[in-house]
């Protein structure tokens, strides 16, 4: 168990170091030596977990969905807002998320990673919208697939503009604005009236997640 826990911690340390280097320098300029120096691990430890720089970058991309997880909501439209604003909140201080955006959207990244995390986010959004439609949250004309593409594109555009203009200082406010503008065109009035899309929603949901995690019972250590 102790060996397994060390392996998990080492893998996470390597991923976090890789994310920081990719975020600062981009994929092409980043080197394994940079990542080793940042992680403080041996080359053998790194290659035990990741066979190449590309595999490391894919590991960073795969973490996007774990970092954006929120508690399930009865309203799937609320759940989508919560995911969007949690990501916006965390992106300001977690290189794992900002590196994922850079790897997904940077020049020539499509040839290497096939669009990075973008296809996954469109699919995730479409699934939640389909659930929302099934339980009567959406207006009759709304097509989940088309709307998922538009919402994902608007989120990405707002994130890029915020990074460019304010170094993401206003990202939560801007993402909140995206949903406040989009949702009236897809949500039923009754559902829309109940949704919380405030710019501080992400911070409140993160606090909720942390409280839930701290309350979870821990398995006793083996003798």
Protein backbone atom coordinates (compact mmCIF):
# COMPACT_ATOMS: atom_id res chain seq x y z
CA UNK A 1 0.00 0.00 0.00
CA UNK A 2 2.79 2.41 0.90
CA UNK A 3 4.57 1.66 -2.38
CA UNK A 4 1.34 2.17 -4.31
CA UNK A 5 0.66 5.50 -2.58
CA UNK A 6 4.20 6.67 -3.40
CA UNK A 7 3.70 5.72 -7.03
CA UNK A 8 0.45 7.71 -7.17
CA UNK A 9 2.13 10.74 -5.58
CA UNK A 10 5.11 10.49 -7.92
CA UNK A 11 2.86 10.27 -10.99
CA UNK A 12 0.90 13.30 -9.82
CA UNK A 13 4.09 15.28 -9.15
CA UNK A 14 5.33 14.50 -12.66
CA UNK A 15 2.01 15.54 -14.22
CA UNK A 16 1.93 18.80 -12.26
CA UNK A 17 5.51 19.59 -13.24
CA UNK A 18 4.79 18.78 -16.88
CA UNK A 19 1.68 20.96 -16.82
CA UNK A 20 3.64 23.90 -15.42
CA UNK A 21 6.35 23.54 -18.08
CA UNK A 22 3.88 23.08 -20.95
CA UNK A 23 1.90 26.10 -19.71
CA UNK A 24 4.99 28.30 -19.52
CA UNK A 25 6.87 27.18 -22.65
CA UNK A 26 4.43 25.35 -24.89
CA UNK A 27 4.65 21.74 -26.04
CA UNK A 28 7.42 22.06 -28.61
CA UNK A 29 9.77 24.10 -26.41
CA UNK A 30 9.26 21.95 -23.30
CA UNK A 31 11.87 19.26 -22.67
CA UNK A 32 11.97 16.16 -20.52
CA UNK A 33 14.95 17.71 -18.70
CA UNK A 34 12.81 20.74 -17.81
CA UNK A 35 10.08 18.50 -16.45
CA UNK A 36 12.51 16.32 -14.48
CA UNK A 37 14.05 19.40 -12.89
CA UNK A 38 10.64 20.79 -11.95
CA UNK A 39 9.33 17.46 -10.61
CA UNK A 40 12.47 16.54 -8.69
CA UNK A 41 12.33 12.89 -9.78
CA UNK A 42 14.71 10.59 -11.61
CA UNK A 43 14.48 9.88 -15.32
CA UNK A 44 13.69 6.26 -14.47
CA UNK A 45 10.72 7.32 -12.32
CA UNK A 46 9.35 9.51 -15.10
CA UNK A 47 9.68 6.85 -17.77
CA UNK A 48 8.10 4.27 -15.47
CA UNK A 49 4.88 6.30 -15.65
CA UNK A 50 5.17 7.99 -19.06
CA UNK A 51 6.98 6.62 -22.11
CA UNK A 52 7.38 9.96 -23.93
CA UNK A 53 6.74 13.69 -23.86
CA UNK A 54 3.62 13.15 -25.94
CA UNK A 55 2.30 10.61 -23.44
CA UNK A 56 3.00 13.10 -20.65
CA UNK A 57 1.06 15.80 -22.48
CA UNK A 58 -1.81 13.39 -23.06
CA UNK A 59 -1.82 12.70 -19.31
CA UNK A 60 -2.19 16.43 -18.67
CA UNK A 61 -5.07 16.60 -21.16
CA UNK A 62 -6.80 13.63 -19.54
CA UNK A 63 -6.75 15.41 -16.18
CA UNK A 64 -9.05 18.18 -17.48
CA UNK A 65 -12.17 16.17 -16.79
CA UNK A 66 -11.12 15.19 -13.26
CA UNK A 67 -10.34 18.81 -12.37
CA UNK A 68 -13.73 20.00 -13.64
CA UNK A 69 -15.84 17.47 -11.77
CA UNK A 70 -18.73 18.78 -9.64
CA UNK A 71 -21.42 17.11 -7.52
CA UNK A 72 -24.36 15.91 -9.66
CA UNK A 73 -27.25 18.37 -9.79
CA UNK A 74 -30.94 17.74 -10.30
CA UNK A 75 -30.82 20.45 -12.98
CA UNK A 76 -28.37 19.46 -15.70
CA UNK A 77 -28.22 23.07 -16.90
CA UNK A 78 -27.05 24.05 -13.42
CA UNK A 79 -24.52 21.24 -13.51
CA UNK A 80 -23.08 22.59 -16.76
CA UNK A 81 -22.78 26.09 -15.29
CA UNK A 82 -21.09 24.66 -12.21
CA UNK A 83 -18.52 22.78 -14.30
CA UNK A 84 -17.82 25.87 -16.41
CA UNK A 85 -17.36 28.18 -13.44
CA UNK A 86 -15.33 25.66 -11.41
CA UNK A 87 -12.95 25.35 -14.34
CA UNK A 88 -12.79 29.14 -14.67
CA UNK A 89 -12.07 29.52 -10.95
CA UNK A 90 -9.40 26.82 -10.89
CA UNK A 91 -7.75 27.85 -14.14
CA UNK A 92 -6.43 30.99 -12.48
CA UNK A 93 -4.16 28.99 -10.16
CA UNK A 94 -3.91 25.44 -11.54
CA UNK A 95 -1.42 25.02 -14.41
CA UNK A 96 -2.96 21.62 -15.16
CA UNK A 97 -6.02 23.37 -16.59
CA UNK A 98 -4.30 26.24 -18.37
CA UNK A 99 -1.75 23.82 -19.84
CA UNK A 100 -4.60 21.66 -21.09
CA UNK A 101 -6.09 24.65 -22.86
CA UNK A 102 -2.74 25.50 -24.44
CA UNK A 103 -2.19 21.91 -25.58
CA UNK A 104 -5.69 21.74 -27.04
CA UNK A 105 -5.68 25.06 -28.85
CA UNK A 106 -2.09 25.81 -29.75
CA UNK A 107 -0.70 25.83 -33.29
CA UNK A 108 -0.23 22.35 -34.80
CA UNK A 109 -1.68 20.66 -31.72
CA UNK A 110 -4.50 19.09 -33.72
CA UNK A 111 -2.00 16.94 -35.64
CA UNK A 112 -0.45 15.71 -32.36
CA UNK A 113 -3.44 15.39 -30.04
CA UNK A 114 -6.46 15.40 -32.36
CA UNK A 115 -8.02 18.47 -30.81
CA UNK A 116 -6.88 17.76 -27.27
CA UNK A 117 -9.68 17.98 -24.72
CA UNK A 118 -12.03 19.92 -27.04
CA UNK A 119 -13.92 16.88 -28.47
CA UNK A 120 -14.33 15.50 -24.97
CA UNK A 121 -15.81 18.76 -23.66
CA UNK A 122 -18.24 18.98 -26.57
CA UNK A 123 -19.34 15.40 -25.90
CA UNK A 124 -19.64 16.04 -22.15
CA UNK A 125 -21.76 19.14 -22.78
CA UNK A 126 -23.98 17.36 -25.30
CA UNK A 127 -24.65 14.53 -22.82
CA UNK A 128 -25.74 16.98 -20.11
CA UNK A 129 -27.91 18.91 -22.57
CA UNK A 130 -29.55 15.68 -23.74
CA UNK A 131 -30.33 14.85 -20.11
CA UNK A 132 -31.66 18.37 -19.59
CA UNK A 133 -33.92 18.00 -22.62
CA UNK A 134 -35.21 14.63 -21.45
CA UNK A 135 -36.32 16.16 -18.15
CA UNK A 136 -37.92 19.22 -19.70
CA UNK A 137 -35.33 21.89 -19.00
CA UNK A 138 -34.83 22.96 -22.62
CA UNK A 139 -37.07 24.81 -25.03
CA UNK A 140 -38.54 22.53 -27.74
CA UNK A 141 -36.37 23.83 -30.60
CA UNK A 142 -33.03 23.21 -28.86
CA UNK A 143 -30.75 20.62 -30.47
CA UNK A 144 -28.26 19.30 -27.84
CA UNK A 145 -25.49 18.52 -30.33
CA UNK A 146 -25.58 21.92 -32.04
CA UNK A 147 -25.92 23.77 -28.73
CA UNK A 148 -23.05 21.82 -27.16
CA UNK A 149 -20.71 22.98 -29.93
CA UNK A 150 -21.79 26.60 -29.49
CA UNK A 151 -21.50 26.58 -25.69
CA UNK A 152 -18.08 24.94 -25.82
CA UNK A 153 -16.86 27.43 -28.43
CA UNK A 154 -18.14 30.40 -26.41
CA UNK A 155 -16.46 29.11 -23.24
CA UNK A 156 -13.18 28.67 -25.09
CA UNK A 157 -13.38 32.09 -26.74
CA UNK A 158 -14.13 33.81 -23.42
CA UNK A 159 -11.21 31.99 -21.81
CA UNK A 160 -8.80 33.04 -24.55
CA UNK A 161 -9.98 36.67 -24.51
CA UNK A 162 -9.70 36.79 -20.72
CA UNK A 163 -6.18 35.37 -20.83
CA UNK A 164 -5.14 37.80 -23.56
CA UNK A 165 -6.64 40.94 -22.05
CA UNK A 166 -6.41 40.44 -18.27
CA UNK A 167 -4.26 37.34 -17.66
CA UNK A 168 -7.52 35.62 -16.61
CA UNK A 169 -8.24 38.09 -13.82
CA UNK A 170 -11.82 38.49 -15.06
CA UNK A 171 -12.38 34.94 -16.34
CA UNK A 172 -15.10 34.04 -13.83
CA UNK A 173 -17.03 37.20 -14.61
CA UNK A 174 -16.71 36.58 -18.36
CA UNK A 175 -17.73 32.92 -18.21
CA UNK A 176 -20.69 33.87 -16.03
CA UNK A 177 -21.66 36.38 -18.71
CA UNK A 178 -21.49 33.73 -21.44
CA UNK A 179 -24.08 31.58 -19.68
CA UNK A 180 -26.27 34.51 -18.70
CA UNK A 181 -26.44 35.44 -22.39
CA UNK A 182 -26.84 31.93 -23.81
CA UNK A 183 -29.21 30.24 -21.38
CA UNK A 184 -32.27 32.47 -22.01
CA UNK A 185 -32.28 31.17 -25.59
CA UNK A 186 -32.32 27.48 -24.59
CA UNK A 187 -33.81 27.11 -21.08
CA UNK A 188 -37.47 27.11 -20.18
CA UNK A 189 -38.46 30.21 -18.16
CA UNK A 190 -39.22 28.18 -15.04
CA UNK A 191 -35.80 26.51 -15.08
CA UNK A 192 -33.99 29.73 -15.98
CA UNK A 193 -35.43 31.49 -12.95
CA UNK A 194 -33.87 28.90 -10.63
CA UNK A 195 -30.35 28.82 -12.08
CA UNK A 196 -27.41 30.31 -10.20
CA UNK A 197 -24.97 31.77 -12.73
CA UNK A 198 -23.19 34.29 -10.49
CA UNK A 199 -19.51 34.97 -11.11
CA UNK A 200 -18.70 33.65 -7.63
CA UNK A 201 -20.53 30.37 -8.23
CA UNK A 202 -17.30 28.51 -9.08
CA UNK A 203 -15.63 29.48 -5.80
CA UNK A 204 -18.71 28.39 -3.85
CA UNK A 205 -18.88 25.02 -5.61
CA UNK A 206 -15.16 24.44 -5.04
CA UNK A 207 -15.72 25.10 -1.32
CA UNK A 208 -18.60 22.59 -1.41
CA UNK A 209 -16.37 19.98 -3.07
CA UNK A 210 -13.59 20.51 -0.53
CA UNK A 211 -16.06 20.16 2.35
CA UNK A 212 -17.39 16.91 0.90
CA UNK A 213 -13.89 15.54 0.41
CA UNK A 214 -12.82 16.41 3.95
CA UNK A 215 -15.93 14.67 5.32
CA UNK A 216 -15.25 11.41 3.48
CA UNK A 217 -14.16 8.59 5.82
CA UNK A 218 -10.58 7.49 5.27
CA UNK A 219 -9.57 3.82 5.15
CA UNK A 220 -7.54 2.79 8.19
CA UNK A 221 -3.85 2.21 7.55
CA UNK A 222 -2.81 -1.42 7.34
CA UNK A 223 -0.60 -2.67 10.20
